[in-house]
N, C-alpha and C. Protein backbone atom coordinates (compact mmCIF):
# COMPACT_ATOMS: atom_id res chain seq x y z
N MET A 1 35.45 68.83 38.86
CA MET A 1 34.22 68.78 38.10
C MET A 1 33.06 68.73 39.09
N GLY A 2 32.15 69.66 38.94
CA GLY A 2 31.00 69.70 39.82
C GLY A 2 29.82 68.95 39.26
N PRO A 3 28.87 68.62 40.13
CA PRO A 3 27.66 67.95 39.63
C PRO A 3 26.71 68.94 39.00
N LEU A 4 25.98 68.49 38.03
CA LEU A 4 24.96 69.31 37.39
C LEU A 4 23.63 68.64 37.65
N GLY A 5 22.82 69.26 38.47
CA GLY A 5 21.53 68.67 38.84
C GLY A 5 20.42 69.21 37.98
N GLY A 6 19.22 69.07 38.44
CA GLY A 6 18.08 69.62 37.72
C GLY A 6 17.24 68.56 37.06
N ALA A 7 16.42 68.99 36.17
CA ALA A 7 15.46 68.11 35.50
C ALA A 7 15.98 67.72 34.12
N VAL A 8 15.46 66.65 33.62
CA VAL A 8 15.78 66.19 32.27
C VAL A 8 14.51 66.27 31.44
N LEU A 9 14.58 66.95 30.33
CA LEU A 9 13.43 67.07 29.44
C LEU A 9 13.67 66.17 28.23
N THR A 10 12.68 65.37 27.91
CA THR A 10 12.80 64.47 26.77
C THR A 10 11.55 64.54 25.91
N VAL A 11 11.69 64.08 24.70
CA VAL A 11 10.55 63.94 23.80
C VAL A 11 10.41 62.44 23.54
N PRO A 12 9.35 61.84 24.06
CA PRO A 12 9.19 60.39 23.88
C PRO A 12 8.82 60.04 22.45
N ASP A 13 9.20 58.86 22.05
CA ASP A 13 8.85 58.34 20.73
C ASP A 13 7.45 57.72 20.85
N THR A 14 6.46 58.49 20.44
CA THR A 14 5.07 58.03 20.57
C THR A 14 4.50 57.50 19.27
N GLY A 15 5.22 57.74 18.18
CA GLY A 15 4.70 57.35 16.88
C GLY A 15 3.87 58.44 16.22
N ASP A 16 3.59 59.49 16.95
CA ASP A 16 2.81 60.62 16.43
C ASP A 16 3.79 61.75 16.14
N GLU A 17 4.26 61.80 14.89
CA GLU A 17 5.30 62.76 14.52
C GLU A 17 4.90 64.21 14.78
N ARG A 18 3.65 64.55 14.55
CA ARG A 18 3.19 65.92 14.76
C ARG A 18 3.34 66.31 16.23
N ARG A 19 2.90 65.43 17.12
CA ARG A 19 3.00 65.71 18.55
C ARG A 19 4.46 65.73 19.01
N GLU A 20 5.27 64.85 18.44
CA GLU A 20 6.69 64.82 18.79
C GLU A 20 7.39 66.11 18.38
N ARG A 21 7.05 66.62 17.17
CA ARG A 21 7.63 67.90 16.72
C ARG A 21 7.22 69.03 17.66
N MET A 22 5.94 69.05 18.04
CA MET A 22 5.46 70.09 18.96
C MET A 22 6.16 69.98 20.32
N ALA A 23 6.30 68.76 20.82
CA ALA A 23 7.00 68.56 22.09
C ALA A 23 8.45 69.03 21.97
N GLY A 24 9.08 68.76 20.84
CA GLY A 24 10.44 69.22 20.60
C GLY A 24 10.54 70.73 20.61
N ARG A 25 9.54 71.40 20.04
CA ARG A 25 9.52 72.87 20.05
C ARG A 25 9.38 73.40 21.49
N ILE A 26 8.57 72.73 22.28
CA ILE A 26 8.38 73.16 23.68
C ILE A 26 9.67 72.97 24.46
N VAL A 27 10.33 71.83 24.29
CA VAL A 27 11.61 71.58 24.97
C VAL A 27 12.64 72.62 24.53
N ALA A 28 12.68 72.92 23.24
CA ALA A 28 13.63 73.93 22.74
C ALA A 28 13.35 75.29 23.37
N CYS A 29 12.08 75.64 23.52
CA CYS A 29 11.72 76.90 24.15
C CYS A 29 12.17 76.92 25.62
N LEU A 30 11.84 75.86 26.36
CA LEU A 30 12.16 75.81 27.78
C LEU A 30 13.66 75.81 28.05
N THR A 31 14.43 75.29 27.11
CA THR A 31 15.88 75.22 27.31
C THR A 31 16.63 76.35 26.60
N SER A 32 15.90 77.27 26.02
CA SER A 32 16.56 78.41 25.36
C SER A 32 17.28 79.26 26.40
N GLU A 33 18.26 80.01 25.95
CA GLU A 33 19.03 80.87 26.85
C GLU A 33 18.09 81.83 27.59
N ARG A 34 17.17 82.42 26.87
CA ARG A 34 16.24 83.38 27.48
C ARG A 34 15.44 82.74 28.63
N GLU A 35 14.88 81.55 28.38
CA GLU A 35 14.07 80.90 29.40
C GLU A 35 14.93 80.39 30.56
N GLN A 36 16.14 79.92 30.25
CA GLN A 36 17.05 79.50 31.33
C GLN A 36 17.35 80.68 32.26
N LEU A 37 17.56 81.85 31.67
CA LEU A 37 17.86 83.03 32.49
C LEU A 37 16.65 83.46 33.30
N THR A 38 15.48 83.42 32.71
CA THR A 38 14.26 83.77 33.44
C THR A 38 14.07 82.83 34.62
N TYR A 39 14.20 81.55 34.37
CA TYR A 39 14.02 80.56 35.44
C TYR A 39 15.09 80.76 36.52
N ALA A 40 16.33 80.97 36.12
CA ALA A 40 17.42 81.15 37.07
C ALA A 40 17.20 82.37 37.96
N ARG A 41 16.76 83.46 37.36
CA ARG A 41 16.51 84.67 38.17
C ARG A 41 15.40 84.44 39.18
N ASN A 42 14.40 83.67 38.82
CA ASN A 42 13.25 83.45 39.69
C ASN A 42 13.48 82.34 40.73
N SER A 43 14.42 81.45 40.47
CA SER A 43 14.62 80.31 41.36
C SER A 43 15.97 80.32 42.08
N TRP A 44 16.87 81.21 41.67
CA TRP A 44 18.24 81.26 42.19
C TRP A 44 18.97 79.94 41.93
N MET A 45 18.68 79.35 40.78
CA MET A 45 19.40 78.16 40.34
C MET A 45 20.24 78.54 39.12
N VAL A 46 21.39 77.96 39.00
CA VAL A 46 22.30 78.27 37.91
C VAL A 46 21.80 77.63 36.62
N PRO A 47 21.76 78.39 35.51
CA PRO A 47 21.38 77.79 34.23
C PRO A 47 22.36 76.69 33.83
N ALA A 48 21.87 75.67 33.15
CA ALA A 48 22.72 74.55 32.75
C ALA A 48 23.49 74.81 31.46
N GLY A 49 23.02 75.72 30.64
CA GLY A 49 23.72 76.04 29.39
C GLY A 49 24.87 77.00 29.64
N GLU A 50 26.00 76.75 29.00
CA GLU A 50 27.18 77.59 29.23
C GLU A 50 26.93 79.06 28.92
N LYS A 51 26.27 79.33 27.77
CA LYS A 51 26.01 80.73 27.40
C LYS A 51 25.11 81.40 28.42
N ALA A 52 24.06 80.71 28.82
CA ALA A 52 23.13 81.26 29.81
C ALA A 52 23.83 81.44 31.16
N ALA A 53 24.68 80.48 31.54
CA ALA A 53 25.39 80.57 32.82
C ALA A 53 26.34 81.77 32.82
N THR A 54 26.98 82.03 31.68
CA THR A 54 27.88 83.18 31.57
C THR A 54 27.10 84.48 31.73
N ALA A 55 25.95 84.56 31.08
CA ALA A 55 25.11 85.76 31.22
C ALA A 55 24.60 85.90 32.65
N TRP A 56 24.21 84.80 33.26
CA TRP A 56 23.71 84.81 34.64
C TRP A 56 24.80 85.26 35.60
N ARG A 57 26.05 84.85 35.33
CA ARG A 57 27.18 85.25 36.17
C ARG A 57 27.32 86.77 36.17
N ARG A 58 27.14 87.38 35.02
CA ARG A 58 27.23 88.85 34.95
C ARG A 58 26.09 89.50 35.74
N GLN A 59 24.92 88.87 35.74
CA GLN A 59 23.76 89.43 36.43
C GLN A 59 23.79 89.17 37.93
N VAL A 60 24.43 88.08 38.34
CA VAL A 60 24.47 87.69 39.76
C VAL A 60 25.93 87.38 40.12
N PRO A 61 26.79 88.39 40.14
CA PRO A 61 28.22 88.14 40.33
C PRO A 61 28.56 87.49 41.67
N GLU A 62 27.73 87.69 42.68
CA GLU A 62 28.04 87.10 43.99
C GLU A 62 27.95 85.56 43.98
N LEU A 63 27.32 85.01 42.96
CA LEU A 63 27.24 83.56 42.81
C LEU A 63 27.98 83.09 41.56
N GLY A 64 28.90 83.92 41.11
CA GLY A 64 29.64 83.64 39.88
C GLY A 64 30.42 82.34 39.92
N ALA A 65 30.95 81.96 41.08
CA ALA A 65 31.72 80.72 41.17
C ALA A 65 30.87 79.51 40.80
N LEU A 66 29.59 79.58 41.12
CA LEU A 66 28.70 78.48 40.75
C LEU A 66 28.50 78.43 39.24
N ALA A 67 28.32 79.59 38.63
CA ALA A 67 28.14 79.65 37.18
C ALA A 67 29.38 79.16 36.45
N ASP A 68 30.56 79.42 37.01
CA ASP A 68 31.81 78.99 36.38
C ASP A 68 31.90 77.46 36.27
N GLN A 69 31.23 76.75 37.15
CA GLN A 69 31.31 75.29 37.17
C GLN A 69 30.54 74.65 36.01
N VAL A 70 29.62 75.37 35.41
CA VAL A 70 28.80 74.80 34.33
C VAL A 70 29.67 74.31 33.16
N ALA A 71 30.74 75.00 32.89
CA ALA A 71 31.59 74.64 31.75
C ALA A 71 32.17 73.23 31.88
N THR A 72 32.40 72.76 33.09
CA THR A 72 33.00 71.44 33.27
C THR A 72 32.10 70.47 34.04
N ALA A 73 30.91 70.91 34.39
CA ALA A 73 30.01 70.05 35.16
C ALA A 73 29.46 68.92 34.30
N ARG A 74 29.01 67.89 34.97
CA ARG A 74 28.35 66.80 34.26
C ARG A 74 27.15 66.36 35.08
N SER A 75 26.24 65.71 34.43
CA SER A 75 25.06 65.21 35.09
C SER A 75 25.45 64.25 36.20
N ARG A 76 24.74 64.34 37.32
CA ARG A 76 25.04 63.44 38.44
C ARG A 76 24.87 61.98 38.06
N THR A 77 24.03 61.71 37.10
CA THR A 77 23.78 60.32 36.71
C THR A 77 24.56 59.90 35.47
N ALA A 78 25.37 60.79 34.90
CA ALA A 78 26.06 60.50 33.64
C ALA A 78 26.90 59.23 33.72
N LYS A 79 27.62 59.03 34.79
CA LYS A 79 28.48 57.85 34.90
C LYS A 79 27.87 56.79 35.80
N LEU A 80 27.00 57.19 36.72
CA LEU A 80 26.46 56.23 37.68
C LEU A 80 25.13 55.63 37.26
N GLY A 81 24.41 56.33 36.39
CA GLY A 81 23.13 55.82 35.92
C GLY A 81 22.22 55.44 37.07
N ALA A 82 21.73 54.21 37.05
CA ALA A 82 20.81 53.74 38.07
C ALA A 82 21.47 53.63 39.45
N GLY A 83 22.80 53.68 39.50
CA GLY A 83 23.51 53.62 40.79
C GLY A 83 23.53 54.94 41.54
N TRP A 84 23.06 56.02 40.91
CA TRP A 84 23.10 57.33 41.55
C TRP A 84 22.35 57.38 42.88
N PRO A 85 21.16 56.80 43.03
CA PRO A 85 20.46 56.90 44.32
C PRO A 85 21.28 56.35 45.50
N ALA A 86 22.02 55.27 45.31
CA ALA A 86 22.84 54.72 46.39
C ALA A 86 23.95 55.69 46.78
N VAL A 87 24.58 56.31 45.78
CA VAL A 87 25.64 57.27 46.05
C VAL A 87 25.05 58.52 46.72
N SER A 88 23.92 58.96 46.23
CA SER A 88 23.26 60.13 46.82
C SER A 88 22.93 59.89 48.28
N LEU A 89 22.37 58.75 48.60
CA LEU A 89 22.03 58.42 49.99
C LEU A 89 23.28 58.34 50.85
N ALA A 90 24.34 57.74 50.32
CA ALA A 90 25.59 57.65 51.07
C ALA A 90 26.15 59.03 51.37
N LEU A 91 26.10 59.94 50.39
CA LEU A 91 26.60 61.30 50.61
C LEU A 91 25.72 62.06 51.60
N GLN A 92 24.41 61.93 51.45
CA GLN A 92 23.50 62.61 52.39
C GLN A 92 23.76 62.15 53.82
N SER A 93 23.93 60.84 53.98
CA SER A 93 24.19 60.29 55.31
C SER A 93 25.52 60.80 55.87
N ALA A 94 26.52 60.90 55.01
CA ALA A 94 27.83 61.41 55.45
C ALA A 94 27.74 62.86 55.88
N PHE A 95 27.04 63.67 55.11
CA PHE A 95 26.88 65.08 55.48
C PHE A 95 26.18 65.20 56.83
N GLN A 96 25.10 64.44 56.99
CA GLN A 96 24.34 64.48 58.23
C GLN A 96 25.21 64.04 59.41
N ALA A 97 25.97 62.95 59.22
CA ALA A 97 26.83 62.45 60.29
C ALA A 97 27.88 63.49 60.68
N ALA A 98 28.49 64.12 59.69
CA ALA A 98 29.51 65.14 59.97
C ALA A 98 28.90 66.35 60.67
N LEU A 99 27.69 66.73 60.26
CA LEU A 99 27.03 67.88 60.88
C LEU A 99 26.58 67.61 62.31
N THR A 100 26.44 66.34 62.65
CA THR A 100 25.97 66.01 64.00
C THR A 100 27.09 65.48 64.88
N GLY A 101 28.35 65.71 64.48
CA GLY A 101 29.46 65.45 65.37
C GLY A 101 30.41 64.34 65.00
N GLN A 102 30.07 63.48 64.06
CA GLN A 102 31.01 62.43 63.66
C GLN A 102 32.15 63.07 62.89
N SER A 103 33.32 62.47 62.95
CA SER A 103 34.43 63.05 62.20
C SER A 103 34.13 62.98 60.70
N SER A 104 34.56 63.98 59.98
CA SER A 104 34.34 64.02 58.54
C SER A 104 34.98 62.84 57.85
N GLN A 105 36.19 62.47 58.28
CA GLN A 105 36.88 61.34 57.66
C GLN A 105 36.09 60.05 57.86
N ALA A 106 35.60 59.82 59.07
CA ALA A 106 34.83 58.60 59.34
C ALA A 106 33.54 58.60 58.53
N ALA A 107 32.89 59.75 58.44
CA ALA A 107 31.64 59.85 57.67
C ALA A 107 31.88 59.56 56.20
N LEU A 108 32.95 60.09 55.64
CA LEU A 108 33.25 59.86 54.23
C LEU A 108 33.71 58.43 53.96
N ARG A 109 34.43 57.82 54.91
CA ARG A 109 34.81 56.41 54.76
C ARG A 109 33.56 55.54 54.70
N ARG A 110 32.61 55.81 55.60
CA ARG A 110 31.35 55.05 55.62
C ARG A 110 30.58 55.30 54.32
N ALA A 111 30.57 56.53 53.84
CA ALA A 111 29.88 56.85 52.58
C ALA A 111 30.49 56.07 51.43
N GLN A 112 31.81 55.98 51.39
CA GLN A 112 32.48 55.22 50.33
C GLN A 112 32.07 53.75 50.38
N GLN A 113 32.03 53.20 51.59
CA GLN A 113 31.62 51.80 51.75
C GLN A 113 30.17 51.61 51.28
N ARG A 114 29.31 52.50 51.69
CA ARG A 114 27.88 52.40 51.31
C ARG A 114 27.71 52.54 49.80
N ALA A 115 28.41 53.51 49.22
CA ALA A 115 28.26 53.78 47.78
C ALA A 115 28.75 52.60 46.95
N THR A 116 29.85 52.00 47.35
CA THR A 116 30.40 50.91 46.54
C THR A 116 29.67 49.59 46.77
N SER A 117 29.02 49.47 47.94
CA SER A 117 28.27 48.23 48.20
C SER A 117 26.83 48.34 47.73
N GLY A 118 26.38 49.59 47.49
CA GLY A 118 24.99 49.80 47.07
C GLY A 118 24.00 49.81 48.20
N ASN A 119 24.49 49.80 49.45
CA ASN A 119 23.59 49.83 50.62
C ASN A 119 23.62 51.17 51.31
């Protein structure tokens, strides 16, 4: 299962139903298959919707393996919630350590320690 990154669009509960409906329409537009494909073509980012990702795969076959992951991907914060920043930092540090000569195993062991301790 791969991570699914990107932005989260929400409609806040403001008490103003008219504005909330309009905000909902804007979110629906931005997350439509058409807009996901437009954004993906312009940014080289994989659409988050399965239908859009399948269409994008046909348009950009050289990156098809990335589009295939959308079907089973989940949000990076889905299970970690507020703990995601600690895990992200641990992973970033591990990648950097491995790229600068530390053994991959040692870097990942340290990342596991950092992620589980929150430091």
